[in-house]
Amino acid sequence: MPAGNISTFARYMYLNSYAFLLILLGGGIVFIPLYRISLWLTGLQLILFFTCMVNGTKILRSWKDKQRKYHILMERNSTEFRPETFYEYIQAPCGRLLVKTVLKDLGQEEKYPELLALRKPFMENLKSGCRPVKTVIYLNGEKL
């Protein structure tokens, strides 16, 4: 496989494997006969089903964004390896798959453990994911 080619069926399947897992999990949840126990559990079951399906679909729909991020990481690391460029991607499972793919194409797969050290602990990730994030916009070098 030539370096820099992310648009293949195998890569699509690999980079979206978490989406397929979520969709499969959502489909499996539907077949659990919780209605026999309680209608409340059926409501919970439907919430879990829709959550899995919606999030799996979101991951699948982000393919163009993954391609763009792949090319950005390839550009930034083609001349010299810059671990800080991977920080954002190493935090999420789908991002780690993208990081592995980029490192493979750069021929630097041995750097993956070094990048895993940049990963925040689970509880810290959970806390930061539940807090609002302040967005700062710069226009022509001026903060708006």
C-alpha atoms as a PDB file:
ATOM      1  CA  MET A   1       0.000   0.000   0.000  1.00  0.00           C
ATOM      2  CA  PRO A   2       1.538   3.328  -0.976  1.00  0.00           C
ATOM      3  CA  ALA A   3       2.197   5.799   1.804  1.00  0.00           C
ATOM      4  CA  GLY A   4      -0.350   8.575   1.923  1.00  0.00           C
ATOM      5  CA  ASN A   5      -3.256   6.500   0.580  1.00  0.00           C
ATOM      6  CA  ILE A   6      -6.032   6.313   3.129  1.00  0.00           C
ATOM      7  CA  SER A   7      -8.904   5.881   0.662  1.00  0.00           C
ATOM      8  CA  THR A   8      -9.004   2.105   0.488  1.00  0.00           C
ATOM      9  CA  PHE A   9     -11.704  -0.299   1.602  1.00  0.00           C
ATOM     10  CA  ALA A  10      -9.423  -1.972   4.159  1.00  0.00           C
ATOM     11  CA  ARG A  11      -8.502   1.356   5.746  1.00  0.00           C
ATOM     12  CA  TYR A  12     -12.142   2.465   5.763  1.00  0.00           C
ATOM     13  CA  MET A  13     -13.090  -0.711   7.608  1.00  0.00           C
ATOM     14  CA  TYR A  14     -10.159  -0.405  10.047  1.00  0.00           C
ATOM     15  CA  LEU A  15     -10.637   3.267  10.887  1.00  0.00           C
ATOM     16  CA  ASN A  16     -14.395   2.816  11.328  1.00  0.00           C
ATOM     17  CA  SER A  17     -14.224  -0.427  13.297  1.00  0.00           C
ATOM     18  CA  TYR A  18     -15.521   1.286  16.450  1.00  0.00           C
ATOM     19  CA  ALA A  19     -18.539   2.529  14.494  1.00  0.00           C
ATOM     20  CA  PHE A  20     -19.329  -0.972  13.297  1.00  0.00           C
ATOM     21  CA  LEU A  21     -18.873  -2.269  16.840  1.00  0.00           C
ATOM     22  CA  LEU A  22     -21.325   0.327  18.199  1.00  0.00           C
ATOM     23  CA  ILE A  23     -23.901  -0.433  15.503  1.00  0.00           C
ATOM     24  CA  LEU A  24     -23.558  -4.157  16.160  1.00  0.00           C
ATOM     25  CA  LEU A  25     -23.912  -3.565  19.905  1.00  0.00           C
ATOM     26  CA  GLY A  26     -27.006  -1.433  19.328  1.00  0.00           C
ATOM     27  CA  GLY A  27     -28.510  -4.127  17.134  1.00  0.00           C
ATOM     28  CA  GLY A  28     -27.785  -6.745  19.787  1.00  0.00           C
ATOM     29  CA  ILE A  29     -29.378  -4.671  22.538  1.00  0.00           C
ATOM     30  CA  VAL A  30     -32.686  -4.679  20.662  1.00  0.00           C
ATOM     31  CA  PHE A  31     -32.938  -8.469  20.799  1.00  0.00           C
ATOM     32  CA  ILE A  32     -32.736  -8.703  24.590  1.00  0.00           C
ATOM     33  CA  PRO A  33     -36.323  -9.419  25.760  1.00  0.00           C
ATOM     34  CA  LEU A  34     -36.423  -6.876  28.580  1.00  0.00           C
ATOM     35  CA  TYR A  35     -40.144  -6.191  27.976  1.00  0.00           C
ATOM     36  CA  ARG A  36     -40.838  -9.413  29.875  1.00  0.00           C
ATOM     37  CA  ILE A  37     -39.269  -7.947  33.011  1.00  0.00           C
ATOM     38  CA  SER A  38     -40.401  -4.321  32.917  1.00  0.00           C
ATOM     39  CA  LEU A  39     -41.526  -1.653  30.496  1.00  0.00           C
ATOM     40  CA  TRP A  40     -39.084   0.730  32.198  1.00  0.00           C
ATOM     41  CA  LEU A  41     -36.213  -1.512  31.180  1.00  0.00           C
ATOM     42  CA  THR A  42     -37.575  -1.496  27.623  1.00  0.00           C
ATOM     43  CA  GLY A  43     -37.369   2.300  27.678  1.00  0.00           C
ATOM     44  CA  LEU A  44     -33.765   2.112  28.872  1.00  0.00           C
ATOM     45  CA  GLN A  45     -33.090  -0.476  26.186  1.00  0.00           C
ATOM     46  CA  LEU A  46     -34.421   1.872  23.494  1.00  0.00           C
ATOM     47  CA  ILE A  47     -32.309   4.740  24.804  1.00  0.00           C
ATOM     48  CA  LEU A  48     -29.179   2.547  24.679  1.00  0.00           C
ATOM     49  CA  PHE A  49     -30.114   1.312  21.198  1.00  0.00           C
ATOM     50  CA  PHE A  50     -30.551   4.816  19.787  1.00  0.00           C
ATOM     51  CA  THR A  51     -27.400   6.071  21.524  1.00  0.00           C
ATOM     52  CA  CYS A  52     -25.321   3.288  19.962  1.00  0.00           C
ATOM     53  CA  MET A  53     -26.859   3.756  16.520  1.00  0.00           C
ATOM     54  CA  VAL A  54     -26.551   7.554  16.489  1.00  0.00           C
ATOM     55  CA  ASN A  55     -22.941   7.538  17.684  1.00  0.00           C
ATOM     56  CA  GLY A  56     -21.980   4.729  15.296  1.00  0.00           C
ATOM     57  CA  THR A  57     -23.525   6.682  12.423  1.00  0.00           C
ATOM     58  CA  LYS A  58     -21.681   9.863  13.477  1.00  0.00           C
ATOM     59  CA  ILE A  59     -18.376   8.002  13.345  1.00  0.00           C
ATOM     60  CA  LEU A  60     -19.177   6.637   9.886  1.00  0.00           C
ATOM     61  CA  ARG A  61     -20.152  10.092   8.634  1.00  0.00           C
ATOM     62  CA  SER A  62     -16.833  11.558   9.781  1.00  0.00           C
ATOM     63  CA  TRP A  63     -14.852   9.738   7.070  1.00  0.00           C
ATOM     64  CA  LYS A  64     -14.016  12.931   5.135  1.00  0.00           C
ATOM     65  CA  ASP A  65     -12.779  14.536   8.350  1.00  0.00           C
ATOM     66  CA  LYS A  66     -10.591  11.501   9.090  1.00  0.00           C
ATOM     67  CA  GLN A  67      -9.097  11.747   5.613  1.00  0.00           C
ATOM     68  CA  ARG A  68      -8.350  15.441   6.165  1.00  0.00           C
ATOM     69  CA  LYS A  69      -6.769  14.781   9.576  1.00  0.00           C
ATOM     70  CA  TYR A  70      -4.712  11.941   8.100  1.00  0.00           C
ATOM     71  CA  HIS A  71      -3.253  14.234   5.448  1.00  0.00           C
ATOM     72  CA  ILE A  72      -2.566  16.959   8.039  1.00  0.00           C
ATOM     73  CA  LEU A  73      -0.682  14.507  10.274  1.00  0.00           C
ATOM     74  CA  MET A  74       1.239  13.137   7.305  1.00  0.00           C
ATOM     75  CA  GLU A  75       2.284  16.660   6.238  1.00  0.00           C
ATOM     76  CA  ARG A  76       3.311  17.752   9.723  1.00  0.00           C
ATOM     77  CA  ASN A  77       5.384  14.646  10.382  1.00  0.00           C
ATOM     78  CA  SER A  78       6.846  13.860   6.952  1.00  0.00           C
ATOM     79  CA  THR A  79      10.107  15.774   7.461  1.00  0.00           C
ATOM     80  CA  GLU A  80      10.549  15.233  11.204  1.00  0.00           C
ATOM     81  CA  PHE A  81       8.575  13.378  13.856  1.00  0.00           C
ATOM     82  CA  ARG A  82       6.604  15.800  16.046  1.00  0.00           C
ATOM     83  CA  PRO A  83       4.814  13.992  18.901  1.00  0.00           C
ATOM     84  CA  GLU A  84       2.792  17.071  19.957  1.00  0.00           C
ATOM     85  CA  THR A  85       0.841  16.962  16.669  1.00  0.00           C
ATOM     86  CA  PHE A  86      -0.687  13.632  17.755  1.00  0.00           C
ATOM     87  CA  TYR A  87      -1.856  14.824  21.200  1.00  0.00           C
ATOM     88  CA  GLU A  88      -5.466  15.521  20.212  1.00  0.00           C
ATOM     89  CA  TYR A  89      -5.851  12.234  18.341  1.00  0.00           C
ATOM     90  CA  ILE A  90      -4.319   9.930  20.951  1.00  0.00           C
ATOM     91  CA  GLN A  91      -7.093  10.821  23.437  1.00  0.00           C
ATOM     92  CA  ALA A  92      -9.902   8.914  21.668  1.00  0.00           C
ATOM     93  CA  PRO A  93     -10.077   5.290  20.484  1.00  0.00           C
ATOM     94  CA  CYS A  94     -10.872   6.261  16.870  1.00  0.00           C
ATOM     95  CA  GLY A  95      -8.042   8.768  16.939  1.00  0.00           C
ATOM     96  CA  ARG A  96      -5.603   6.115  18.134  1.00  0.00           C
ATOM     97  CA  LEU A  97      -6.482   4.014  15.090  1.00  0.00           C
ATOM     98  CA  LEU A  98      -5.734   7.038  12.909  1.00  0.00           C
ATOM     99  CA  VAL A  99      -2.425   7.574  14.723  1.00  0.00           C
ATOM    100  CA  LYS A 100      -1.440   3.931  14.138  1.00  0.00           C
ATOM    101  CA  THR A 101      -2.246   4.292  10.444  1.00  0.00           C
ATOM    102  CA  VAL A 102      -0.201   7.487  10.078  1.00  0.00           C
ATOM    103  CA  LEU A 103       2.757   5.977  11.942  1.00  0.00           C
ATOM    104  CA  LYS A 104       2.627   2.887   9.732  1.00  0.00           C
ATOM    105  CA  ASP A 105       2.719   5.036   6.583  1.00  0.00           C
ATOM    106  CA  LEU A 106       5.578   7.103   7.994  1.00  0.00           C
ATOM    107  CA  GLY A 107       7.473   3.914   8.828  1.00  0.00           C
ATOM    108  CA  GLN A 108       7.650   4.878  12.503  1.00  0.00           C
ATOM    109  CA  GLU A 109       5.384   2.329  14.167  1.00  0.00           C
ATOM    110  CA  GLU A 110       7.842   1.996  17.056  1.00  0.00           C
ATOM    111  CA  LYS A 111       6.914   5.546  18.190  1.00  0.00           C
ATOM    112  CA  TYR A 112       3.384   4.493  19.216  1.00  0.00           C
ATOM    113  CA  PRO A 113       4.271   3.664  22.866  1.00  0.00           C
ATOM    114  CA  GLU A 114       5.883   7.105  23.132  1.00  0.00           C
ATOM    115  CA  LEU A 115       2.636   8.687  21.928  1.00  0.00           C
ATOM    116  CA  LEU A 116       0.542   6.598  24.333  1.00  0.00           C
ATOM    117  CA  ALA A 117       2.375   8.384  27.153  1.00  0.00           C
ATOM    118  CA  LEU A 118       0.610  11.589  25.982  1.00  0.00           C
ATOM    119  CA  ARG A 119      -2.777  10.016  26.671  1.00  0.00           C
ATOM    120  CA  LYS A 120      -4.691  11.513  29.587  1.00  0.00           C
ATOM    121  CA  PRO A 121      -6.012   9.147  32.280  1.00  0.00           C
ATOM    122  CA  PHE A 122      -9.594   7.937  31.793  1.00  0.00           C
ATOM    123  CA  MET A 123     -11.063   9.924  34.707  1.00  0.00           C
ATOM    124  CA  GLU A 124      -9.393  13.138  33.553  1.00  0.00           C
ATOM    125  CA  ASN A 125     -10.732  12.569  30.040  1.00  0.00           C
ATOM    126  CA  LEU A 126     -14.197  11.933  31.466  1.00  0.00           C
ATOM    127  CA  LYS A 127     -14.121  15.109  33.572  1.00  0.00           C
ATOM    128  CA  SER A 128     -12.893  17.299  30.736  1.00  0.00           C
ATOM    129  CA  GLY A 129     -15.490  15.786  28.392  1.00  0.00           C
ATOM    130  CA  CYS A 130     -18.303  16.850  30.710  1.00  0.00           C
ATOM    131  CA  ARG A 131     -17.199  20.481  31.036  1.00  0.00           C
ATOM    132  CA  PRO A 132     -17.950  23.229  28.532  1.00  0.00           C
ATOM    133  CA  VAL A 133     -14.960  24.306  26.455  1.00  0.00           C
ATOM    134  CA  LYS A 134     -14.261  27.976  25.799  1.00  0.00           C
ATOM    135  CA  THR A 135     -13.670  28.642  22.109  1.00  0.00           C
ATOM    136  CA  VAL A 136     -11.299  31.443  21.120  1.00  0.00           C
ATOM    137  CA  ILE A 137     -11.396  32.807  17.584  1.00  0.00           C
ATOM    138  CA  TYR A 138      -8.509  34.715  16.042  1.00  0.00           C
ATOM    139  CA  LEU A 139      -9.045  36.921  13.000  1.00  0.00           C
ATOM    140  CA  ASN A 140      -5.931  38.372  11.380  1.00  0.00           C
ATOM    141  CA  GLY A 141      -3.950  37.712  14.529  1.00  0.00           C
ATOM    142  CA  GLU A 142      -6.449  39.517  16.777  1.00  0.00           C
ATOM    143  CA  LYS A 143      -8.441  37.763  19.442  1.00  0.00           C
ATOM    144  CA  LEU A 144     -12.198  38.283  19.021  1.00  0.00           C
END
